[in-house]
N, C-alpha and C. Protein backbone atom coordinates (compact mmCIF):
# COMPACT_ATOMS: atom_id res chain seq x y z
N MET A 1 -18.69 -4.42 20.35
CA MET A 1 -17.49 -4.28 21.15
C MET A 1 -17.48 -2.97 21.93
N ALA A 2 -18.06 -1.92 21.32
CA ALA A 2 -18.07 -0.63 22.00
C ALA A 2 -18.86 -0.68 23.31
N LYS A 3 -19.92 -1.50 23.34
CA LYS A 3 -20.70 -1.63 24.57
C LYS A 3 -19.88 -2.27 25.68
N THR A 4 -19.01 -3.19 25.29
CA THR A 4 -18.18 -3.89 26.27
C THR A 4 -16.96 -3.07 26.67
N TYR A 5 -16.27 -2.47 25.68
CA TYR A 5 -14.98 -1.83 25.94
C TYR A 5 -15.01 -0.31 25.92
N GLY A 6 -16.10 0.28 25.52
CA GLY A 6 -16.20 1.73 25.49
C GLY A 6 -15.96 2.30 24.10
N PRO A 7 -15.99 3.63 23.99
CA PRO A 7 -15.92 4.27 22.67
C PRO A 7 -14.52 4.24 22.03
N LEU A 8 -13.48 4.01 22.83
CA LEU A 8 -12.12 3.93 22.31
C LEU A 8 -11.51 2.59 22.69
N MET A 9 -10.85 1.95 21.71
CA MET A 9 -10.19 0.67 21.96
C MET A 9 -8.78 0.73 21.39
N LEU A 10 -7.82 0.26 22.15
CA LEU A 10 -6.45 0.18 21.68
C LEU A 10 -6.17 -1.26 21.26
N LEU A 11 -5.88 -1.45 19.99
CA LEU A 11 -5.55 -2.76 19.45
C LEU A 11 -4.09 -2.78 19.04
N ARG A 12 -3.53 -3.94 18.94
CA ARG A 12 -2.17 -4.10 18.43
C ARG A 12 -2.25 -4.90 17.15
N LEU A 13 -1.81 -4.32 16.05
CA LEU A 13 -1.71 -5.01 14.78
C LEU A 13 -0.23 -5.34 14.59
N GLY A 14 0.13 -6.54 15.00
CA GLY A 14 1.55 -6.88 15.06
C GLY A 14 2.16 -6.09 16.19
N SER A 15 3.15 -5.28 15.87
CA SER A 15 3.79 -4.46 16.89
C SER A 15 3.30 -3.02 16.85
N VAL A 16 2.30 -2.74 16.01
CA VAL A 16 1.82 -1.37 15.85
C VAL A 16 0.55 -1.15 16.67
N PRO A 17 0.57 -0.20 17.60
CA PRO A 17 -0.65 0.11 18.35
C PRO A 17 -1.61 0.91 17.47
N VAL A 18 -2.90 0.55 17.51
CA VAL A 18 -3.91 1.23 16.71
C VAL A 18 -5.07 1.61 17.62
N LEU A 19 -5.43 2.88 17.62
CA LEU A 19 -6.56 3.35 18.41
C LEU A 19 -7.79 3.33 17.51
N VAL A 20 -8.84 2.64 17.96
CA VAL A 20 -10.09 2.53 17.20
C VAL A 20 -11.16 3.32 17.93
N ALA A 21 -11.76 4.28 17.22
CA ALA A 21 -12.88 5.04 17.75
C ALA A 21 -14.15 4.41 17.19
N SER A 22 -15.09 4.07 18.07
CA SER A 22 -16.28 3.35 17.63
C SER A 22 -17.39 4.26 17.12
N SER A 23 -17.18 5.56 17.17
CA SER A 23 -18.20 6.49 16.66
C SER A 23 -17.52 7.74 16.11
N ALA A 24 -18.27 8.46 15.30
CA ALA A 24 -17.76 9.72 14.76
C ALA A 24 -17.50 10.72 15.88
N ASP A 25 -18.37 10.74 16.87
CA ASP A 25 -18.18 11.67 18.00
C ASP A 25 -16.90 11.36 18.77
N ALA A 26 -16.63 10.07 19.03
CA ALA A 26 -15.41 9.69 19.74
C ALA A 26 -14.18 10.06 18.92
N ALA A 27 -14.23 9.83 17.61
CA ALA A 27 -13.10 10.19 16.75
C ALA A 27 -12.90 11.70 16.72
N ARG A 28 -13.98 12.45 16.59
CA ARG A 28 -13.90 13.92 16.55
C ARG A 28 -13.30 14.47 17.85
N GLU A 29 -13.78 13.97 18.98
CA GLU A 29 -13.28 14.44 20.28
C GLU A 29 -11.81 14.09 20.47
N THR A 30 -11.43 12.88 20.06
CA THR A 30 -10.04 12.45 20.19
C THR A 30 -9.12 13.32 19.33
N MET A 31 -9.53 13.57 18.10
CA MET A 31 -8.69 14.37 17.20
C MET A 31 -8.67 15.84 17.63
N LYS A 32 -9.74 16.31 18.24
CA LYS A 32 -9.79 17.70 18.69
C LYS A 32 -8.82 17.94 19.84
N THR A 33 -8.74 16.98 20.76
CA THR A 33 -7.91 17.20 21.94
C THR A 33 -6.50 16.61 21.83
N HIS A 34 -6.29 15.66 20.92
CA HIS A 34 -5.00 15.00 20.83
C HIS A 34 -4.46 14.95 19.39
N ASP A 35 -4.79 15.94 18.58
CA ASP A 35 -4.43 15.90 17.15
C ASP A 35 -2.93 15.83 16.92
N VAL A 36 -2.13 16.52 17.71
CA VAL A 36 -0.68 16.52 17.50
C VAL A 36 -0.08 15.14 17.75
N ILE A 37 -0.59 14.45 18.75
CA ILE A 37 -0.10 13.09 19.05
C ILE A 37 -0.34 12.17 17.87
N PHE A 38 -1.53 12.25 17.26
CA PHE A 38 -1.86 11.36 16.16
C PHE A 38 -1.26 11.81 14.83
N ALA A 39 -0.75 13.02 14.76
CA ALA A 39 -0.12 13.49 13.53
C ALA A 39 1.30 12.92 13.36
N ASN A 40 1.90 12.45 14.43
CA ASN A 40 3.26 11.92 14.34
C ASN A 40 3.31 10.58 13.63
N ARG A 41 4.49 10.26 13.13
CA ARG A 41 4.74 9.00 12.47
C ARG A 41 5.33 8.01 13.47
N ALA A 42 5.22 6.74 13.13
CA ALA A 42 5.85 5.72 13.95
C ALA A 42 7.37 5.92 13.89
N LYS A 43 8.04 5.68 14.99
CA LYS A 43 9.50 5.78 15.02
C LYS A 43 10.06 4.44 14.54
N LEU A 44 10.67 4.45 13.38
CA LEU A 44 11.19 3.24 12.77
C LEU A 44 12.70 3.19 12.92
N LYS A 45 13.19 2.13 13.54
CA LYS A 45 14.62 2.01 13.83
C LYS A 45 15.47 2.09 12.56
N LEU A 46 15.11 1.31 11.53
CA LEU A 46 15.92 1.32 10.31
C LEU A 46 15.84 2.65 9.58
N ALA A 47 14.67 3.30 9.62
CA ALA A 47 14.57 4.63 9.00
C ALA A 47 15.51 5.60 9.72
N GLY A 48 15.61 5.48 11.03
CA GLY A 48 16.53 6.34 11.79
C GLY A 48 17.98 6.10 11.41
N ILE A 49 18.32 4.85 11.17
CA ILE A 49 19.69 4.52 10.79
C ILE A 49 20.01 5.05 9.40
N ILE A 50 19.11 4.84 8.47
CA ILE A 50 19.37 5.18 7.06
C ILE A 50 19.20 6.67 6.79
N PHE A 51 18.19 7.31 7.41
CA PHE A 51 17.87 8.70 7.10
C PHE A 51 18.34 9.66 8.19
N TYR A 52 19.57 9.46 8.66
CA TYR A 52 20.23 10.38 9.57
C TYR A 52 19.34 10.74 10.76
N ASN A 53 18.91 9.71 11.48
CA ASN A 53 18.05 9.87 12.65
C ASN A 53 16.73 10.56 12.28
N CYS A 54 16.17 10.13 11.15
CA CYS A 54 14.86 10.60 10.66
C CYS A 54 14.84 12.11 10.43
N GLN A 55 15.88 12.63 9.80
CA GLN A 55 15.96 14.07 9.55
C GLN A 55 15.35 14.48 8.21
N ASP A 56 14.66 13.56 7.51
CA ASP A 56 14.04 13.90 6.24
C ASP A 56 12.55 14.14 6.43
N VAL A 57 11.86 14.60 5.40
CA VAL A 57 10.45 14.95 5.50
C VAL A 57 9.56 13.72 5.69
N ALA A 58 9.93 12.59 5.17
CA ALA A 58 9.08 11.40 5.26
C ALA A 58 9.05 10.79 6.65
N PHE A 59 10.14 10.86 7.39
CA PHE A 59 10.21 10.18 8.68
C PHE A 59 10.32 11.14 9.88
N SER A 60 10.44 12.42 9.62
CA SER A 60 10.58 13.39 10.70
C SER A 60 9.29 13.47 11.51
N GLN A 61 9.41 13.69 12.80
CA GLN A 61 8.24 13.83 13.66
C GLN A 61 7.54 15.15 13.34
N TYR A 62 6.23 15.16 13.52
CA TYR A 62 5.43 16.35 13.25
C TYR A 62 5.87 17.49 14.14
N GLY A 63 5.98 18.67 13.57
CA GLY A 63 6.37 19.85 14.32
C GLY A 63 6.94 20.89 13.37
N GLU A 64 7.60 21.89 13.92
CA GLU A 64 8.12 23.00 13.11
C GLU A 64 9.16 22.52 12.10
N ARG A 65 10.07 21.63 12.50
CA ARG A 65 11.09 21.13 11.57
C ARG A 65 10.42 20.41 10.40
N TRP A 66 9.41 19.56 10.69
CA TRP A 66 8.71 18.85 9.62
C TRP A 66 8.02 19.84 8.68
N ARG A 67 7.38 20.89 9.23
CA ARG A 67 6.71 21.89 8.39
C ARG A 67 7.71 22.58 7.48
N GLN A 68 8.90 22.91 8.01
CA GLN A 68 9.93 23.56 7.19
C GLN A 68 10.44 22.62 6.09
N LEU A 69 10.68 21.36 6.45
CA LEU A 69 11.14 20.38 5.46
C LEU A 69 10.09 20.17 4.37
N LYS A 70 8.83 20.09 4.76
CA LYS A 70 7.74 19.92 3.80
C LYS A 70 7.68 21.12 2.86
N SER A 71 7.81 22.30 3.41
CA SER A 71 7.78 23.52 2.61
C SER A 71 8.92 23.53 1.58
N ILE A 72 10.12 23.17 2.01
CA ILE A 72 11.26 23.10 1.08
C ILE A 72 10.98 22.08 -0.02
N ALA A 73 10.49 20.92 0.36
CA ALA A 73 10.22 19.87 -0.62
C ALA A 73 9.17 20.30 -1.63
N VAL A 74 8.06 20.83 -1.16
CA VAL A 74 6.97 21.20 -2.05
C VAL A 74 7.33 22.39 -2.93
N LEU A 75 7.90 23.42 -2.35
CA LEU A 75 8.17 24.65 -3.10
C LEU A 75 9.41 24.59 -3.98
N HIS A 76 10.42 23.83 -3.56
CA HIS A 76 11.70 23.91 -4.26
C HIS A 76 12.17 22.62 -4.92
N LEU A 77 11.72 21.48 -4.45
CA LEU A 77 12.31 20.23 -4.92
C LEU A 77 11.39 19.32 -5.74
N LEU A 78 10.10 19.37 -5.50
CA LEU A 78 9.22 18.36 -6.07
C LEU A 78 8.38 18.80 -7.27
N SER A 79 8.87 19.75 -8.03
CA SER A 79 8.16 20.08 -9.27
C SER A 79 8.35 18.92 -10.24
N ASN A 80 7.41 18.73 -11.16
CA ASN A 80 7.51 17.64 -12.13
C ASN A 80 8.81 17.71 -12.92
N LYS A 81 9.21 18.91 -13.28
CA LYS A 81 10.43 19.09 -14.06
C LYS A 81 11.66 18.62 -13.29
N ARG A 82 11.76 19.01 -12.03
CA ARG A 82 12.93 18.61 -11.22
C ARG A 82 12.95 17.12 -10.93
N VAL A 83 11.79 16.56 -10.60
CA VAL A 83 11.73 15.14 -10.30
C VAL A 83 12.10 14.32 -11.53
N HIS A 84 11.59 14.72 -12.70
CA HIS A 84 11.92 14.01 -13.95
C HIS A 84 13.42 14.11 -14.23
N TRP A 85 14.00 15.28 -14.01
CA TRP A 85 15.44 15.48 -14.24
C TRP A 85 16.26 14.59 -13.32
N VAL A 86 15.88 14.55 -12.03
CA VAL A 86 16.61 13.72 -11.06
C VAL A 86 16.51 12.25 -11.45
N ASP A 87 15.31 11.81 -11.83
CA ASP A 87 15.14 10.41 -12.25
C ASP A 87 16.02 10.09 -13.45
N ARG A 88 16.04 10.98 -14.41
CA ARG A 88 16.81 10.74 -15.63
C ARG A 88 18.32 10.75 -15.35
N VAL A 89 18.77 11.74 -14.61
CA VAL A 89 20.20 11.86 -14.34
C VAL A 89 20.69 10.71 -13.45
N SER A 90 19.91 10.36 -12.46
CA SER A 90 20.35 9.33 -11.52
C SER A 90 20.14 7.92 -12.06
N GLY A 91 19.36 7.79 -13.12
CA GLY A 91 19.06 6.46 -13.64
C GLY A 91 18.14 5.69 -12.71
N LEU A 92 17.39 6.43 -11.90
CA LEU A 92 16.55 5.81 -10.90
C LEU A 92 15.51 4.88 -11.51
N GLU A 93 14.91 5.30 -12.60
CA GLU A 93 13.87 4.47 -13.22
C GLU A 93 14.44 3.15 -13.72
N GLU A 94 15.60 3.21 -14.36
CA GLU A 94 16.23 1.98 -14.84
C GLU A 94 16.62 1.07 -13.68
N LYS A 95 17.12 1.67 -12.60
CA LYS A 95 17.48 0.89 -11.42
C LYS A 95 16.24 0.24 -10.80
N ALA A 96 15.12 0.98 -10.79
CA ALA A 96 13.87 0.44 -10.24
C ALA A 96 13.41 -0.77 -11.04
N TYR A 97 13.51 -0.68 -12.38
CA TYR A 97 13.13 -1.83 -13.22
C TYR A 97 14.04 -3.03 -12.95
N ALA A 98 15.32 -2.77 -12.77
CA ALA A 98 16.26 -3.87 -12.51
C ALA A 98 15.97 -4.53 -11.17
N ILE A 99 15.71 -3.73 -10.17
CA ILE A 99 15.39 -4.27 -8.85
C ILE A 99 14.07 -5.03 -8.89
N ALA A 100 13.08 -4.47 -9.59
CA ALA A 100 11.79 -5.15 -9.71
C ALA A 100 11.95 -6.50 -10.39
N LYS A 101 12.82 -6.57 -11.40
CA LYS A 101 13.06 -7.83 -12.10
C LYS A 101 13.70 -8.86 -11.14
N GLU A 102 14.66 -8.41 -10.34
CA GLU A 102 15.29 -9.32 -9.37
C GLU A 102 14.27 -9.82 -8.34
N PHE A 103 13.45 -8.92 -7.82
CA PHE A 103 12.41 -9.32 -6.88
C PHE A 103 11.47 -10.33 -7.52
N ASP A 104 11.05 -10.05 -8.78
CA ASP A 104 10.13 -10.93 -9.46
C ASP A 104 10.72 -12.32 -9.64
N GLU A 105 11.97 -12.41 -10.04
CA GLU A 105 12.61 -13.71 -10.21
C GLU A 105 12.70 -14.46 -8.88
N PHE A 106 13.03 -13.75 -7.83
CA PHE A 106 13.10 -14.36 -6.50
C PHE A 106 11.73 -14.86 -6.05
N LEU A 107 10.70 -14.03 -6.21
CA LEU A 107 9.36 -14.41 -5.77
C LEU A 107 8.80 -15.56 -6.60
N GLU A 108 9.12 -15.59 -7.89
CA GLU A 108 8.72 -16.73 -8.73
C GLU A 108 9.32 -18.02 -8.17
N LEU A 109 10.59 -17.97 -7.78
CA LEU A 109 11.26 -19.13 -7.21
C LEU A 109 10.60 -19.55 -5.89
N VAL A 110 10.30 -18.59 -5.05
CA VAL A 110 9.66 -18.89 -3.76
C VAL A 110 8.31 -19.57 -3.99
N ILE A 111 7.50 -19.02 -4.87
CA ILE A 111 6.18 -19.61 -5.14
C ILE A 111 6.33 -20.99 -5.75
N HIS A 112 7.27 -21.14 -6.69
CA HIS A 112 7.51 -22.44 -7.32
C HIS A 112 7.90 -23.49 -6.27
N GLU A 113 8.79 -23.12 -5.36
CA GLU A 113 9.20 -24.05 -4.30
C GLU A 113 8.03 -24.44 -3.41
N HIS A 114 7.16 -23.49 -3.11
CA HIS A 114 6.01 -23.80 -2.26
C HIS A 114 5.00 -24.68 -3.00
N LEU A 115 4.85 -24.46 -4.29
CA LEU A 115 3.93 -25.29 -5.06
C LEU A 115 4.42 -26.73 -5.18
N ASN A 116 5.73 -26.91 -5.19
CA ASN A 116 6.32 -28.22 -5.42
C ASN A 116 6.87 -28.90 -4.17
N LYS A 117 6.67 -28.30 -3.00
CA LYS A 117 7.25 -28.91 -1.81
C LYS A 117 6.48 -30.18 -1.45
N LYS A 118 7.21 -31.12 -0.96
CA LYS A 118 6.66 -32.42 -0.59
C LYS A 118 6.75 -32.55 0.93
N GLY A 119 5.99 -31.74 1.64
CA GLY A 119 6.04 -31.80 3.10
C GLY A 119 4.97 -32.70 3.65
N ALA A 120 5.09 -32.99 4.91
CA ALA A 120 4.09 -33.81 5.58
C ALA A 120 2.80 -33.01 5.72
N SER A 121 1.66 -33.70 5.61
CA SER A 121 0.40 -32.99 5.76
C SER A 121 0.31 -32.47 7.19
N GLY A 122 -0.35 -31.33 7.33
CA GLY A 122 -0.45 -30.73 8.65
C GLY A 122 0.77 -29.89 9.02
N GLU A 123 1.71 -29.79 8.09
CA GLU A 123 2.91 -28.98 8.33
C GLU A 123 2.50 -27.52 8.52
N CYS A 124 3.22 -26.80 9.33
CA CYS A 124 2.93 -25.40 9.61
C CYS A 124 3.00 -24.60 8.31
N GLN A 125 1.94 -23.86 8.03
CA GLN A 125 1.89 -23.07 6.81
C GLN A 125 2.48 -21.68 7.06
N ASP A 126 3.19 -21.19 6.06
CA ASP A 126 3.66 -19.82 6.13
C ASP A 126 2.75 -18.94 5.26
N ILE A 127 3.10 -17.67 5.14
CA ILE A 127 2.28 -16.72 4.40
C ILE A 127 2.10 -17.14 2.95
N VAL A 128 3.15 -17.63 2.33
CA VAL A 128 3.08 -18.05 0.93
C VAL A 128 2.10 -19.21 0.78
N ASP A 129 2.17 -20.19 1.68
CA ASP A 129 1.24 -21.32 1.64
C ASP A 129 -0.21 -20.84 1.75
N VAL A 130 -0.46 -19.92 2.66
CA VAL A 130 -1.81 -19.40 2.86
C VAL A 130 -2.31 -18.72 1.59
N LEU A 131 -1.47 -17.89 0.97
CA LEU A 131 -1.87 -17.19 -0.25
C LEU A 131 -2.14 -18.16 -1.39
N ILE A 132 -1.30 -19.18 -1.53
CA ILE A 132 -1.51 -20.18 -2.59
C ILE A 132 -2.81 -20.93 -2.34
N GLU A 133 -3.07 -21.25 -1.08
CA GLU A 133 -4.32 -21.95 -0.74
C GLU A 133 -5.53 -21.08 -1.07
N LEU A 134 -5.44 -19.79 -0.77
CA LEU A 134 -6.53 -18.87 -1.10
C LEU A 134 -6.71 -18.75 -2.62
N GLN A 135 -5.61 -18.80 -3.35
CA GLN A 135 -5.68 -18.74 -4.81
C GLN A 135 -6.43 -19.96 -5.35
N ARG A 136 -6.18 -21.11 -4.77
CA ARG A 136 -6.81 -22.35 -5.22
C ARG A 136 -8.26 -22.47 -4.78
N ASP A 137 -8.62 -21.76 -3.73
CA ASP A 137 -9.94 -21.86 -3.11
C ASP A 137 -10.99 -21.22 -4.02
N ASP A 138 -12.04 -21.96 -4.32
CA ASP A 138 -13.11 -21.44 -5.17
C ASP A 138 -14.11 -20.60 -4.39
N LYS A 139 -13.94 -20.48 -3.10
CA LYS A 139 -14.90 -19.78 -2.26
C LYS A 139 -14.69 -18.27 -2.23
N THR A 140 -13.54 -17.79 -2.70
CA THR A 140 -13.28 -16.36 -2.68
C THR A 140 -14.08 -15.68 -3.77
N SER A 141 -14.37 -14.40 -3.59
CA SER A 141 -15.19 -13.66 -4.54
C SER A 141 -14.40 -13.15 -5.74
N PHE A 142 -13.10 -13.31 -5.73
CA PHE A 142 -12.30 -12.88 -6.87
C PHE A 142 -11.11 -13.81 -7.04
N CYS A 143 -10.47 -13.69 -8.19
CA CYS A 143 -9.33 -14.54 -8.51
C CYS A 143 -8.05 -13.88 -7.97
N LEU A 144 -7.36 -14.57 -7.10
CA LEU A 144 -6.09 -14.07 -6.56
C LEU A 144 -4.99 -14.50 -7.53
N GLU A 145 -4.53 -13.56 -8.34
CA GLU A 145 -3.55 -13.86 -9.38
C GLU A 145 -2.14 -13.94 -8.80
N LYS A 146 -1.25 -14.58 -9.55
CA LYS A 146 0.12 -14.78 -9.07
C LYS A 146 0.82 -13.44 -8.80
N ASP A 147 0.61 -12.45 -9.66
CA ASP A 147 1.24 -11.14 -9.41
C ASP A 147 0.72 -10.49 -8.14
N MET A 148 -0.56 -10.74 -7.81
CA MET A 148 -1.10 -10.23 -6.55
C MET A 148 -0.40 -10.89 -5.37
N ILE A 149 -0.20 -12.19 -5.47
CA ILE A 149 0.49 -12.93 -4.41
C ILE A 149 1.91 -12.39 -4.25
N LYS A 150 2.59 -12.18 -5.35
CA LYS A 150 3.96 -11.66 -5.28
C LYS A 150 3.98 -10.27 -4.66
N ALA A 151 3.01 -9.44 -5.03
CA ALA A 151 2.95 -8.07 -4.48
C ALA A 151 2.71 -8.10 -2.97
N ILE A 152 1.84 -8.99 -2.52
CA ILE A 152 1.55 -9.09 -1.08
C ILE A 152 2.79 -9.56 -0.32
N ILE A 153 3.45 -10.59 -0.85
CA ILE A 153 4.66 -11.10 -0.20
C ILE A 153 5.73 -10.02 -0.14
N LEU A 154 5.93 -9.33 -1.26
CA LEU A 154 6.95 -8.27 -1.31
C LEU A 154 6.63 -7.17 -0.31
N ARG A 155 5.38 -6.76 -0.25
CA ARG A 155 4.99 -5.69 0.67
C ARG A 155 5.24 -6.11 2.13
N ILE A 156 4.87 -7.34 2.45
CA ILE A 156 5.09 -7.83 3.82
C ILE A 156 6.58 -7.87 4.15
N CYS A 157 7.37 -8.39 3.21
CA CYS A 157 8.82 -8.48 3.45
C CYS A 157 9.46 -7.11 3.58
N LEU A 158 9.13 -6.20 2.68
CA LEU A 158 9.73 -4.86 2.74
C LEU A 158 9.26 -4.10 3.98
N HIS A 159 8.01 -4.29 4.36
CA HIS A 159 7.53 -3.64 5.57
C HIS A 159 8.23 -4.20 6.80
N LYS A 160 8.46 -5.50 6.82
CA LYS A 160 9.15 -6.14 7.94
C LYS A 160 10.53 -5.53 8.14
N PHE A 161 11.18 -5.22 7.04
CA PHE A 161 12.52 -4.63 7.14
C PHE A 161 12.47 -3.11 7.12
N MET A 162 11.25 -2.56 7.22
CA MET A 162 11.02 -1.11 7.33
C MET A 162 11.59 -0.34 6.14
N ILE A 163 11.54 -0.94 4.96
CA ILE A 163 12.04 -0.25 3.79
C ILE A 163 10.97 0.65 3.21
N ILE A 164 9.72 0.19 3.21
CA ILE A 164 8.63 1.04 2.72
C ILE A 164 7.46 0.96 3.66
């Protein structure tokens, strides 16, 4: 592809633009001259809504404000002792287990419905159908377990809604 399109190619993975460098030299030159551009994060609409217009360290654009936020987080907030205290006081771990259980029950239902659906052959397959088909397929080099399928579905759904 590099012979046809050159050393740099811009691809779109869904709605995300991705720059592909076909050689180490092309990547080195690109990062040397445009490093600040590539250091920034994608601007996520929901992150902006939830995190006060991306004013936190995770979603803030690269620059002096981000460096200051990172410094505060690393030096003052993210010690193991403080993080453990916050988790314990806020009940975050227990809440995470409860949410995980709800997601698991929902995903079990989704998979069960897909396994038992009586649709016409040739019906349009969704992501769950594709994963179940891959699980059944003996041609793959590894066993795609149900928990793996649930994790993939969850990741796709949460990413779609820009939660993680």
